[in-house]
């Protein structure tokens, strides 16, 4: 008997969003698509509260674009990601790495464990809530069973 294929948590999230999106009326779907488009900066990144393109916000824009089939938004986002300089922010680095893993699967990206090592090494400041989230991420498959998440 073969083991079930492991699927990344973010892919499960995108799939759930997609399934939910498909149940909506065409009018509501269009409102959501229009909102997603309105949040994408001309550079291809998604905007923060100040209206500036930001890797952290772009991660969520990426997932929403994938879930709603916004291929043009994804292509613009690929351009934005490919021109991003190195960052000293671990949160932005994590967001960029997750997007690169999904959008550029043929490209070798920094491993999640390497990024987690940076989070806990104290090499730069990171809010404690982000540290907790990063610590929790690898445990999610086990917690899923414990909390009956599907």
C-alpha atoms as a PDB file:
ATOM      1  CA  UNK A   1       0.000   0.000   0.000  1.00  0.00           C
ATOM      2  CA  UNK A   2       1.486   3.366  -1.003  1.00  0.00           C
ATOM      3  CA  UNK A   3       1.656   6.386   1.237  1.00  0.00           C
ATOM      4  CA  UNK A   4      -0.709   9.245   0.451  1.00  0.00           C
ATOM      5  CA  UNK A   5       0.943  12.082  -1.441  1.00  0.00           C
ATOM      6  CA  UNK A   6       1.840  15.005   0.812  1.00  0.00           C
ATOM      7  CA  UNK A   7       0.396  18.318  -0.315  1.00  0.00           C
ATOM      8  CA  UNK A   8       1.707  21.646   0.957  1.00  0.00           C
ATOM      9  CA  UNK A   9      -0.678  23.414   3.297  1.00  0.00           C
ATOM     10  CA  UNK A  10      -0.814  26.535   1.158  1.00  0.00           C
ATOM     11  CA  UNK A  11      -1.886  24.391  -1.817  1.00  0.00           C
ATOM     12  CA  UNK A  12      -4.722  22.992   0.264  1.00  0.00           C
ATOM     13  CA  UNK A  13      -5.712  26.547   1.203  1.00  0.00           C
ATOM     14  CA  UNK A  14      -5.678  27.638  -2.441  1.00  0.00           C
ATOM     15  CA  UNK A  15      -7.754  24.604  -3.392  1.00  0.00           C
ATOM     16  CA  UNK A  16     -10.343  25.361  -0.663  1.00  0.00           C
ATOM     17  CA  UNK A  17     -10.518  28.981  -1.783  1.00  0.00           C
ATOM     18  CA  UNK A  18     -11.000  27.834  -5.366  1.00  0.00           C
ATOM     19  CA  UNK A  19     -13.795  25.443  -4.423  1.00  0.00           C
ATOM     20  CA  UNK A  20     -15.532  28.165  -2.437  1.00  0.00           C
ATOM     21  CA  UNK A  21     -15.089  30.664  -5.256  1.00  0.00           C
ATOM     22  CA  UNK A  22     -16.716  28.250  -7.719  1.00  0.00           C
ATOM     23  CA  UNK A  23     -19.875  28.120  -5.584  1.00  0.00           C
ATOM     24  CA  UNK A  24     -20.439  31.870  -5.853  1.00  0.00           C
ATOM     25  CA  UNK A  25     -22.687  33.533  -8.399  1.00  0.00           C
ATOM     26  CA  UNK A  26     -20.979  35.018 -11.475  1.00  0.00           C
ATOM     27  CA  UNK A  27     -21.702  38.532 -10.195  1.00  0.00           C
ATOM     28  CA  UNK A  28     -20.001  37.910  -6.845  1.00  0.00           C
ATOM     29  CA  UNK A  29     -17.105  36.144  -8.575  1.00  0.00           C
ATOM     30  CA  UNK A  30     -16.615  39.223 -10.762  1.00  0.00           C
ATOM     31  CA  UNK A  31     -16.638  41.512  -7.702  1.00  0.00           C
ATOM     32  CA  UNK A  32     -13.883  39.404  -6.137  1.00  0.00           C
ATOM     33  CA  UNK A  33     -11.861  39.390  -9.356  1.00  0.00           C
ATOM     34  CA  UNK A  34     -12.230  43.164  -9.631  1.00  0.00           C
ATOM     35  CA  UNK A  35     -11.047  43.574  -6.040  1.00  0.00           C
ATOM     36  CA  UNK A  36      -7.991  41.368  -6.635  1.00  0.00           C
ATOM     37  CA  UNK A  37      -7.140  43.368  -9.773  1.00  0.00           C
ATOM     38  CA  UNK A  38      -7.547  46.643  -7.880  1.00  0.00           C
ATOM     39  CA  UNK A  39      -4.975  45.534  -5.311  1.00  0.00           C
ATOM     40  CA  UNK A  40      -2.270  44.684  -7.839  1.00  0.00           C
ATOM     41  CA  UNK A  41       0.318  47.399  -8.419  1.00  0.00           C
ATOM     42  CA  UNK A  42       1.563  48.241 -11.928  1.00  0.00           C
ATOM     43  CA  UNK A  43       4.850  46.521 -10.974  1.00  0.00           C
ATOM     44  CA  UNK A  44       2.979  43.228 -10.557  1.00  0.00           C
ATOM     45  CA  UNK A  45       3.151  43.049  -6.757  1.00  0.00           C
ATOM     46  CA  UNK A  46       0.139  43.398  -4.516  1.00  0.00           C
ATOM     47  CA  UNK A  47      -0.246  46.541  -2.451  1.00  0.00           C
ATOM     48  CA  UNK A  48       0.088  47.031   1.282  1.00  0.00           C
ATOM     49  CA  UNK A  49      -2.201  49.401   3.210  1.00  0.00           C
ATOM     50  CA  UNK A  50      -0.204  52.407   1.975  1.00  0.00           C
ATOM     51  CA  UNK A  51      -0.647  51.352  -1.651  1.00  0.00           C
ATOM     52  CA  UNK A  52       2.944  50.176  -2.181  1.00  0.00           C
ATOM     53  CA  UNK A  53       3.841  46.783  -3.668  1.00  0.00           C
ATOM     54  CA  UNK A  54       4.917  44.444  -0.889  1.00  0.00           C
ATOM     55  CA  UNK A  55       6.118  40.801  -0.887  1.00  0.00           C
ATOM     56  CA  UNK A  56       4.063  39.913   2.209  1.00  0.00           C
ATOM     57  CA  UNK A  57       0.808  41.221   0.729  1.00  0.00           C
ATOM     58  CA  UNK A  58       1.787  39.776  -2.650  1.00  0.00           C
ATOM     59  CA  UNK A  59       1.829  36.289  -1.146  1.00  0.00           C
ATOM     60  CA  UNK A  60      -1.869  36.555  -0.325  1.00  0.00           C
ATOM     61  CA  UNK A  61      -2.577  38.171  -3.691  1.00  0.00           C
ATOM     62  CA  UNK A  62      -0.768  35.241  -5.290  1.00  0.00           C
ATOM     63  CA  UNK A  63      -2.888  32.687  -3.478  1.00  0.00           C
ATOM     64  CA  UNK A  64      -6.120  34.536  -4.298  1.00  0.00           C
ATOM     65  CA  UNK A  65      -5.086  34.869  -7.942  1.00  0.00           C
ATOM     66  CA  UNK A  66      -4.315  31.163  -8.142  1.00  0.00           C
ATOM     67  CA  UNK A  67      -7.630  30.265  -6.495  1.00  0.00           C
ATOM     68  CA  UNK A  68      -9.636  32.457  -8.857  1.00  0.00           C
ATOM     69  CA  UNK A  69      -7.732  31.572 -12.038  1.00  0.00           C
ATOM     70  CA  UNK A  70      -6.286  35.035 -12.642  1.00  0.00           C
ATOM     71  CA  UNK A  71      -3.504  34.041 -15.025  1.00  0.00           C
ATOM     72  CA  UNK A  72      -2.700  37.610 -16.093  1.00  0.00           C
ATOM     73  CA  UNK A  73      -2.232  38.635 -12.453  1.00  0.00           C
ATOM     74  CA  UNK A  74       0.046  35.636 -11.929  1.00  0.00           C
ATOM     75  CA  UNK A  75       2.198  36.536 -14.943  1.00  0.00           C
ATOM     76  CA  UNK A  76       2.525  40.121 -13.681  1.00  0.00           C
ATOM     77  CA  UNK A  77       3.394  38.804 -10.228  1.00  0.00           C
ATOM     78  CA  UNK A  78       6.128  36.599 -11.712  1.00  0.00           C
ATOM     79  CA  UNK A  79       7.720  39.737 -13.153  1.00  0.00           C
ATOM     80  CA  UNK A  80       7.527  41.483  -9.775  1.00  0.00           C
ATOM     81  CA  UNK A  81       9.069  38.520  -7.951  1.00  0.00           C
ATOM     82  CA  UNK A  82      11.884  38.131 -10.450  1.00  0.00           C
ATOM     83  CA  UNK A  83      13.083  41.722  -9.940  1.00  0.00           C
ATOM     84  CA  UNK A  84      12.943  41.735  -6.142  1.00  0.00           C
ATOM     85  CA  UNK A  85      16.294  42.549  -4.539  1.00  0.00           C
ATOM     86  CA  UNK A  86      17.599  40.655  -1.533  1.00  0.00           C
ATOM     87  CA  UNK A  87      15.769  41.693   1.604  1.00  0.00           C
ATOM     88  CA  UNK A  88      16.783  41.867   5.232  1.00  0.00           C
ATOM     89  CA  UNK A  89      13.216  41.044   6.294  1.00  0.00           C
ATOM     90  CA  UNK A  90      12.730  37.370   7.093  1.00  0.00           C
ATOM     91  CA  UNK A  91       8.963  37.745   6.640  1.00  0.00           C
ATOM     92  CA  UNK A  92       9.447  39.114   3.128  1.00  0.00           C
ATOM     93  CA  UNK A  93      12.038  36.429   2.411  1.00  0.00           C
ATOM     94  CA  UNK A  94       9.581  33.716   3.488  1.00  0.00           C
ATOM     95  CA  UNK A  95       6.803  35.248   1.371  1.00  0.00           C
ATOM     96  CA  UNK A  96       9.041  35.490  -1.690  1.00  0.00           C
ATOM     97  CA  UNK A  97      10.251  31.935  -1.219  1.00  0.00           C
ATOM     98  CA  UNK A  98       6.706  30.563  -0.993  1.00  0.00           C
ATOM     99  CA  UNK A  99       5.702  32.437  -4.148  1.00  0.00           C
ATOM    100  CA  UNK A 100       8.823  31.325  -6.025  1.00  0.00           C
ATOM    101  CA  UNK A 101       8.190  27.713  -5.014  1.00  0.00           C
ATOM    102  CA  UNK A 102       4.725  27.862  -6.548  1.00  0.00           C
ATOM    103  CA  UNK A 103       5.346  30.089  -9.555  1.00  0.00           C
ATOM    104  CA  UNK A 104       8.843  28.921 -10.521  1.00  0.00           C
ATOM    105  CA  UNK A 105       8.815  25.196  -9.639  1.00  0.00           C
ATOM    106  CA  UNK A 106      11.824  24.436 -11.849  1.00  0.00           C
ATOM    107  CA  UNK A 107      13.963  26.938  -9.933  1.00  0.00           C
ATOM    108  CA  UNK A 108      15.819  25.806  -6.824  1.00  0.00           C
ATOM    109  CA  UNK A 109      14.662  27.883  -3.870  1.00  0.00           C
ATOM    110  CA  UNK A 110      15.929  28.157  -0.335  1.00  0.00           C
ATOM    111  CA  UNK A 111      14.497  25.390   1.809  1.00  0.00           C
ATOM    112  CA  UNK A 112      11.845  26.117   4.413  1.00  0.00           C
ATOM    113  CA  UNK A 113      14.149  24.654   7.062  1.00  0.00           C
ATOM    114  CA  UNK A 114      16.928  27.054   6.116  1.00  0.00           C
ATOM    115  CA  UNK A 115      14.504  29.967   6.407  1.00  0.00           C
ATOM    116  CA  UNK A 116      13.208  28.688   9.742  1.00  0.00           C
ATOM    117  CA  UNK A 117      16.781  28.503  10.997  1.00  0.00           C
ATOM    118  CA  UNK A 118      17.112  32.220  10.190  1.00  0.00           C
ATOM    119  CA  UNK A 119      13.877  32.982  12.015  1.00  0.00           C
ATOM    120  CA  UNK A 120      15.117  31.417  15.236  1.00  0.00           C
ATOM    121  CA  UNK A 121      18.780  32.362  14.983  1.00  0.00           C
ATOM    122  CA  UNK A 122      18.040  35.978  15.823  1.00  0.00           C
ATOM    123  CA  UNK A 123      19.901  37.172  12.719  1.00  0.00           C
ATOM    124  CA  UNK A 124      17.240  39.870  12.351  1.00  0.00           C
ATOM    125  CA  UNK A 125      14.266  41.090  14.303  1.00  0.00           C
ATOM    126  CA  UNK A 126      10.987  39.329  13.789  1.00  0.00           C
ATOM    127  CA  UNK A 127       7.786  39.879  15.715  1.00  0.00           C
ATOM    128  CA  UNK A 128       7.047  37.019  18.120  1.00  0.00           C
ATOM    129  CA  UNK A 129       3.741  36.211  16.364  1.00  0.00           C
ATOM    130  CA  UNK A 130       5.596  35.597  13.107  1.00  0.00           C
ATOM    131  CA  UNK A 131       8.131  33.435  14.922  1.00  0.00           C
ATOM    132  CA  UNK A 132       5.312  31.380  16.416  1.00  0.00           C
ATOM    133  CA  UNK A 133       3.635  31.007  13.010  1.00  0.00           C
ATOM    134  CA  UNK A 134       6.898  29.884  11.425  1.00  0.00           C
ATOM    135  CA  UNK A 135       7.446  27.375  14.210  1.00  0.00           C
ATOM    136  CA  UNK A 136       3.895  26.111  13.819  1.00  0.00           C
ATOM    137  CA  UNK A 137       4.049  25.688  10.018  1.00  0.00           C
ATOM    138  CA  UNK A 138       6.004  22.394   9.969  1.00  0.00           C
ATOM    139  CA  UNK A 139       3.721  20.983  12.657  1.00  0.00           C
ATOM    140  CA  UNK A 140       0.491  21.657  10.771  1.00  0.00           C
ATOM    141  CA  UNK A 141       0.025  18.112   9.401  1.00  0.00           C
ATOM    142  CA  UNK A 142       0.107  16.747  12.960  1.00  0.00           C
ATOM    143  CA  UNK A 143      -2.074  19.542  14.330  1.00  0.00           C
ATOM    144  CA  UNK A 144      -4.544  19.003  11.521  1.00  0.00           C
ATOM    145  CA  UNK A 145      -5.418  15.608  12.947  1.00  0.00           C
ATOM    146  CA  UNK A 146      -5.464  16.896  16.509  1.00  0.00           C
ATOM    147  CA  UNK A 147      -7.904  19.734  15.694  1.00  0.00           C
ATOM    148  CA  UNK A 148      -9.949  17.803  13.110  1.00  0.00           C
ATOM    149  CA  UNK A 149      -9.086  20.203  10.285  1.00  0.00           C
ATOM    150  CA  UNK A 150      -9.651  18.841   6.812  1.00  0.00           C
END
